[in-house]
Amino acid sequence: MPSTSSTPPWNVHRLPRADGSVFLVTGGNAGIGYFVAEQLSETGATVVIGSRNPARAEVATASIRARVPGARVRAVRLDLADLSSLATVVESLGVERLDAVVHNAGVALDDPPRRETADGHELMFGTNHLGHFALTRWLMPLLAAAPAARVVTMGSFAAKSERLDLDDLQSRNDYRPKRTYGRSKLAQMYFGVELDRCLRAAGSTVASVVVHPGGALDSLTPSRPPVHVRTTGARLGAAPAALLVQGKHAGAWPAVRAVLDPAVLGGQLWEPRVFGLRGEPRREPVWNHLTDTAVAARLWEASCDLTGADLGTIL
């Protein structure tokens, strides 16, 4: 007899309902984060877009409402580059629990000079990693109040070939923008893996999952005017690249699955199916360098010192 299962195969175009759930997507006003928010809105959940730019967030929420009838989507101001502002986020959310947060927001700089956050941290490391590290500390009571909440960290394929310099986390001695970006995303992924280890040790109901979007290009991304407009020329010019990479709507799929799929477990890594660059999401063994607990512990300690956010006291 053929085997039967109560859980149907995962379908990125037919997401399960999540009515009553509340999800926060950082940087949900543009890029991959926008499509994470749009797709999660299709499930009936309340989706909150965290953005440092209220005007852009309002444009994104209007776009989602226009495409998803009855969408429960709204925005809160969230500036990950200003650590002192993060304590107010919980109050501005106005909810009693949070079922998932997608740590998606990020800064990517292509050229020097080196820039810093309001707190004096290198901008990419300070925003992409330290901002999300501190935000998690403030969100943890809301996450713990949910039955089985998830922290989903959006890493990057660029982090696979990088290694952290624990003596120069801020790239003060040797600043190369692309490498600094890759290392900031690697730090995020280390944090996501280490967070789950700490949550399990504490007996928490919260799980932490790491994902990455593969290769996600604007030119392969469907238009969502005025959030994103793809010209015919860009679409035609990018056609050959579609053999290897994908659009940002597809780059959102691993994060969306990590939020919704009960088969996804804490401590796992999910990525696009084809060479980690394109296709539907699948589980991938955690990269070898991400399993280095000594590096993870040193990064965690440094992150506590740099942010003043001691996560260990509230897990």
Protein backbone atom coordinates (compact mmCIF):
# COMPACT_ATOMS: atom_id res chain seq x y z
CA MET A 1 0.00 0.00 0.00
CA PRO A 2 1.26 3.50 -0.70
CA SER A 3 2.32 5.40 2.38
CA THR A 4 0.12 8.25 3.49
CA SER A 5 1.05 11.35 5.39
CA SER A 6 -1.00 13.98 7.14
CA THR A 7 1.52 16.58 5.97
CA PRO A 8 1.31 17.36 2.23
CA PRO A 9 4.49 18.07 0.26
CA TRP A 10 5.67 21.65 0.61
CA ASN A 11 4.36 23.90 -2.17
CA VAL A 12 5.76 27.43 -2.37
CA HIS A 13 2.61 28.51 -4.23
CA ARG A 14 0.14 26.97 -1.76
CA LEU A 15 1.16 28.01 1.70
CA PRO A 16 -0.60 26.69 4.81
CA ARG A 17 -2.94 28.98 6.70
CA ALA A 18 -1.54 30.83 9.71
CA ASP A 19 -4.57 32.79 10.88
CA GLY A 20 -4.02 34.33 14.29
CA SER A 21 -0.23 34.24 14.02
CA VAL A 22 1.92 37.37 14.17
CA PHE A 23 5.14 37.63 12.16
CA LEU A 24 7.73 40.43 12.12
CA VAL A 25 9.92 40.88 9.02
CA THR A 26 12.84 43.26 9.41
CA GLY A 27 13.55 45.17 6.22
CA GLY A 28 10.24 44.01 4.81
CA ASN A 29 9.78 47.17 2.77
CA ALA A 30 12.04 46.16 -0.13
CA GLY A 31 13.97 43.35 -1.80
CA ILE A 32 13.69 39.82 -0.49
CA GLY A 33 12.11 41.07 2.73
CA TYR A 34 9.21 42.55 0.81
CA PHE A 35 8.44 39.19 -0.80
CA VAL A 36 8.76 37.40 2.55
CA ALA A 37 6.15 39.81 3.92
CA GLU A 38 3.91 39.48 0.87
CA GLN A 39 3.98 35.69 0.90
CA LEU A 40 3.39 35.45 4.66
CA SER A 41 0.45 37.83 4.27
CA GLU A 42 -1.21 35.27 2.01
CA THR A 43 -1.55 32.89 4.98
CA GLY A 44 -3.98 35.09 6.93
CA ALA A 45 -1.36 35.96 9.56
CA THR A 46 -0.72 39.47 10.81
CA VAL A 47 2.56 40.60 9.23
CA VAL A 48 4.49 43.53 10.66
CA ILE A 49 7.12 45.18 8.48
CA GLY A 50 10.04 46.63 10.41
CA SER A 51 11.66 49.49 8.51
CA ARG A 52 13.79 52.53 9.29
CA ASN A 53 11.94 54.44 6.54
CA PRO A 54 8.23 54.90 7.37
CA ALA A 55 7.39 56.26 3.90
CA ARG A 56 8.87 53.24 2.12
CA ALA A 57 7.19 50.91 4.60
CA GLU A 58 3.82 52.50 3.85
CA VAL A 59 4.37 52.00 0.11
CA ALA A 60 5.20 48.33 0.74
CA THR A 61 2.14 47.73 2.91
CA ALA A 62 -0.08 49.37 0.29
CA SER A 63 1.42 47.12 -2.40
CA ILE A 64 0.76 43.99 -0.33
CA ARG A 65 -2.82 45.04 0.40
CA ALA A 66 -3.41 45.60 -3.30
CA ARG A 67 -2.19 42.09 -4.15
CA VAL A 68 -3.48 40.13 -1.15
CA PRO A 69 -7.17 40.71 -0.43
CA GLY A 70 -7.77 41.16 3.28
CA ALA A 71 -4.05 41.26 4.09
CA ARG A 72 -3.32 42.01 7.73
CA VAL A 73 -0.12 43.98 7.26
CA ARG A 74 1.27 47.03 8.99
CA ALA A 75 4.59 48.65 9.74
CA VAL A 76 6.69 49.74 12.71
CA ARG A 77 9.77 51.93 12.70
CA LEU A 78 12.90 49.84 13.21
CA ASP A 79 16.46 51.11 12.87
CA LEU A 80 18.95 48.32 13.49
CA ALA A 81 21.83 50.77 13.20
CA ASP A 82 20.64 52.58 16.35
CA LEU A 83 20.78 50.13 19.24
CA SER A 84 19.25 52.55 21.74
CA SER A 85 16.04 52.67 19.68
CA LEU A 86 15.37 48.94 19.75
CA ALA A 87 13.92 48.74 23.26
CA THR A 88 10.84 50.61 22.05
CA VAL A 89 10.06 48.11 19.29
CA VAL A 90 8.24 45.67 21.58
CA GLU A 91 5.86 48.41 22.70
CA SER A 92 5.29 49.62 19.15
CA LEU A 93 4.38 46.10 18.02
CA GLY A 94 1.39 46.21 20.34
CA VAL A 95 1.01 42.42 20.56
CA GLU A 96 1.05 39.92 23.40
CA ARG A 97 3.09 37.34 21.51
CA LEU A 98 5.19 36.97 18.38
CA ASP A 99 5.10 33.71 16.43
CA ALA A 100 8.16 34.44 14.29
CA VAL A 101 10.67 37.11 13.43
CA VAL A 102 12.57 37.04 10.15
CA HIS A 103 15.93 38.76 10.58
CA ASN A 104 16.16 39.95 6.99
CA ALA A 105 17.15 43.63 6.98
CA GLY A 106 20.66 44.32 5.84
CA VAL A 107 23.14 46.81 4.50
CA ALA A 108 25.48 45.93 1.62
CA LEU A 109 28.14 48.44 0.59
CA ASP A 110 30.19 47.99 -2.56
CA ASP A 111 32.79 50.71 -2.18
CA PRO A 112 34.85 52.43 0.52
CA PRO A 113 34.95 54.47 2.69
CA ARG A 114 34.21 52.48 5.83
CA ARG A 115 31.07 53.78 7.53
CA GLU A 116 29.76 53.46 11.08
CA THR A 117 26.44 53.20 12.88
CA ALA A 118 25.18 55.69 15.46
CA ASP A 119 26.89 53.50 18.07
CA GLY A 120 30.28 53.61 16.33
CA HIS A 121 30.17 50.10 14.89
CA GLU A 122 31.14 49.28 11.30
CA LEU A 123 27.88 49.77 9.41
CA MET A 124 27.37 46.32 7.87
CA PHE A 125 28.48 44.32 10.92
CA GLY A 126 26.64 46.71 13.23
CA THR A 127 23.37 46.59 11.31
CA ASN A 128 23.27 43.07 9.90
CA HIS A 129 24.56 41.23 12.97
CA LEU A 130 24.68 43.41 16.08
CA GLY A 131 21.32 45.06 15.39
CA HIS A 132 19.56 41.72 15.03
CA PHE A 133 21.42 40.30 18.04
CA ALA A 134 20.17 43.15 20.23
CA LEU A 135 16.68 43.06 18.73
CA THR A 136 16.36 39.38 19.64
CA ARG A 137 17.02 40.23 23.27
CA TRP A 138 14.05 42.63 23.32
CA LEU A 139 11.74 40.32 21.36
CA MET A 140 12.44 37.17 23.36
CA PRO A 141 9.62 37.66 25.92
CA LEU A 142 7.10 37.98 23.06
CA LEU A 143 8.58 34.96 21.27
CA ALA A 144 8.52 32.90 24.47
CA ALA A 145 4.83 33.77 24.91
CA ALA A 146 3.96 31.99 21.64
CA PRO A 147 3.42 28.20 21.58
CA ALA A 148 6.34 27.46 19.21
CA ALA A 149 7.93 30.66 17.93
CA ARG A 150 10.77 30.84 15.44
CA VAL A 151 13.69 33.16 14.91
CA VAL A 152 14.61 32.93 11.22
CA THR A 153 17.97 34.44 10.28
CA MET A 154 18.57 35.39 6.66
CA GLY A 155 22.19 34.57 5.87
CA SER A 156 23.92 34.73 2.52
CA PHE A 157 25.65 32.40 0.09
CA ALA A 158 28.48 34.95 0.24
CA ALA A 159 29.18 33.79 3.80
CA LYS A 160 30.06 30.25 2.72
CA SER A 161 33.57 31.19 1.61
CA GLU A 162 34.22 33.68 4.41
CA ARG A 163 35.76 33.21 7.85
CA LEU A 164 35.48 35.58 10.80
CA ASP A 165 38.46 37.54 12.07
CA LEU A 166 37.58 37.57 15.76
CA ASP A 167 40.32 40.11 16.42
CA ASP A 168 38.92 42.53 13.83
CA LEU A 169 35.16 42.04 13.80
CA GLN A 170 34.69 45.73 12.99
CA SER A 171 37.07 45.68 9.99
CA ARG A 172 39.10 48.52 11.47
CA ASN A 173 42.44 47.12 10.34
CA ASP A 174 41.49 45.80 6.91
CA TYR A 175 38.26 47.08 5.35
CA ARG A 176 37.15 45.50 2.08
CA PRO A 177 33.42 46.11 1.53
CA LYS A 178 32.45 42.84 -0.15
CA ARG A 179 34.41 40.77 2.35
CA THR A 180 33.09 42.78 5.28
CA TYR A 181 29.55 42.19 4.02
CA GLY A 182 30.13 38.44 3.70
CA ARG A 183 31.56 38.32 7.20
CA SER A 184 28.64 40.29 8.63
CA LYS A 185 26.24 37.72 7.17
CA LEU A 186 28.45 34.89 8.45
CA ALA A 187 28.25 36.43 11.92
CA GLN A 188 24.45 36.43 11.62
CA MET A 189 24.47 32.76 10.67
CA TYR A 190 26.79 31.85 13.55
CA PHE A 191 24.38 33.67 15.84
CA GLY A 192 21.37 31.82 14.44
CA VAL A 193 23.00 28.42 15.03
CA GLU A 194 24.35 29.33 18.47
CA LEU A 195 21.01 30.85 19.52
CA ASP A 196 19.25 27.56 18.87
CA ARG A 197 21.89 25.70 20.87
CA CYS A 198 21.26 28.05 23.81
CA LEU A 199 17.48 27.80 23.45
CA ARG A 200 17.63 24.01 23.52
CA ALA A 201 19.86 24.08 26.60
CA ALA A 202 17.35 26.37 28.32
CA GLY A 203 14.42 24.12 27.43
CA SER A 204 12.78 26.94 25.45
CA THR A 205 9.84 26.47 23.08
CA VAL A 206 11.46 29.00 20.69
CA ALA A 207 13.51 27.62 17.78
CA SER A 208 16.17 29.36 15.69
CA VAL A 209 16.57 28.50 11.99
CA VAL A 210 19.12 29.78 9.49
CA VAL A 211 18.32 30.29 5.81
CA HIS A 212 19.84 31.96 2.79
CA PRO A 213 18.25 33.08 -0.49
CA GLY A 214 20.85 31.82 -2.97
CA GLY A 215 21.44 34.10 -5.92
CA ALA A 216 18.59 36.61 -6.04
CA LEU A 217 18.69 39.33 -8.71
CA ASP A 218 16.48 42.39 -9.21
CA SER A 219 16.44 41.70 -12.94
CA LEU A 220 14.74 38.31 -12.37
CA THR A 221 12.28 39.67 -9.83
CA PRO A 222 8.66 40.31 -10.87
CA SER A 223 7.53 43.92 -10.74
CA ARG A 224 5.76 45.28 -7.70
CA PRO A 225 5.43 48.96 -8.61
CA PRO A 226 6.39 51.24 -7.02
CA VAL A 227 8.31 48.94 -4.62
CA HIS A 228 10.15 47.30 -7.52
CA VAL A 229 9.87 47.90 -11.25
CA ARG A 230 11.51 45.53 -13.72
CA THR A 231 11.97 46.88 -17.23
CA THR A 232 11.60 44.69 -20.30
CA GLY A 233 15.25 45.30 -21.11
CA ALA A 234 16.36 44.11 -17.68
CA ARG A 235 14.18 41.02 -17.94
CA LEU A 236 15.53 40.04 -21.36
CA GLY A 237 19.11 40.82 -20.43
CA ALA A 238 18.92 38.62 -17.35
CA ALA A 239 17.34 35.63 -19.08
CA PRO A 240 20.61 33.62 -19.36
CA ALA A 241 21.29 34.14 -15.65
CA ALA A 242 18.01 32.40 -14.83
CA LEU A 243 19.76 29.09 -15.45
CA LEU A 244 21.88 29.69 -12.35
CA VAL A 245 20.09 32.19 -10.12
CA GLN A 246 16.60 33.52 -9.48
CA GLY A 247 14.51 36.52 -8.51
CA LYS A 248 14.00 37.91 -5.03
CA HIS A 249 10.49 36.47 -4.85
CA ALA A 250 12.08 33.00 -4.99
CA GLY A 251 14.88 34.09 -2.66
CA ALA A 252 12.16 34.56 -0.05
CA TRP A 253 11.04 30.92 -0.19
CA PRO A 254 13.52 29.42 2.32
CA ALA A 255 12.62 32.02 4.97
CA VAL A 256 8.89 31.59 4.39
CA ARG A 257 9.19 27.83 4.73
CA ALA A 258 11.28 28.22 7.90
CA VAL A 259 8.48 30.32 9.41
CA LEU A 260 5.55 28.09 8.39
CA ASP A 261 6.61 24.47 7.91
CA PRO A 262 6.27 22.34 11.08
CA ALA A 263 8.85 19.94 9.60
CA VAL A 264 11.56 22.62 9.86
CA LEU A 265 13.47 22.30 13.14
CA GLY A 266 15.70 24.59 15.14
CA GLY A 267 19.39 24.55 14.31
CA GLN A 268 18.78 23.66 10.65
CA LEU A 269 20.00 25.44 7.51
CA TRP A 270 17.64 25.85 4.53
CA GLU A 271 18.61 27.07 1.08
CA PRO A 272 17.55 26.88 -2.61
CA ARG A 273 17.59 23.36 -4.00
CA VAL A 274 19.86 23.79 -7.06
CA PHE A 275 23.49 24.26 -5.98
CA GLY A 276 22.26 26.51 -3.18
CA LEU A 277 21.58 29.20 -5.78
CA ARG A 278 18.08 28.70 -7.17
CA GLY A 279 14.96 26.60 -6.85
CA GLU A 280 12.59 25.56 -4.09
CA PRO A 281 13.89 25.39 -0.51
CA ARG A 282 15.56 22.31 0.90
CA ARG A 283 17.45 21.45 4.05
CA GLU A 284 21.24 21.55 3.74
CA PRO A 285 23.77 20.25 6.29
CA VAL A 286 25.03 23.15 8.39
CA TRP A 287 28.28 24.38 6.84
CA ASN A 288 31.35 22.99 8.58
CA HIS A 289 32.69 26.34 9.75
CA LEU A 290 29.31 27.21 11.28
CA THR A 291 29.61 24.18 13.57
CA ASP A 292 32.70 25.62 15.31
CA THR A 293 31.31 26.19 18.79
CA ALA A 294 34.46 27.97 20.00
CA VAL A 295 34.11 30.66 17.33
CA ALA A 296 30.39 30.93 18.01
CA ALA A 297 30.97 31.37 21.75
CA ARG A 298 33.58 34.09 21.23
CA LEU A 299 31.33 35.92 18.77
CA TRP A 300 28.40 35.69 21.21
CA GLU A 301 30.51 37.12 24.06
CA ALA A 302 31.81 39.94 21.85
CA SER A 303 28.27 40.70 20.67
CA CYS A 304 27.04 40.96 24.26
CA ASP A 305 29.88 43.37 25.05
CA LEU A 306 29.34 45.52 21.95
CA THR A 307 25.55 45.77 22.29
CA GLY A 308 25.06 45.59 26.05
CA ALA A 309 22.38 42.97 25.35
CA ASP A 310 22.93 39.86 27.45
CA LEU A 311 20.64 37.31 25.82
CA GLY A 312 21.72 34.59 28.19
CA THR A 313 19.86 36.17 31.08
CA ILE A 314 16.44 35.92 29.43
CA LEU A 315 16.54 32.58 27.61
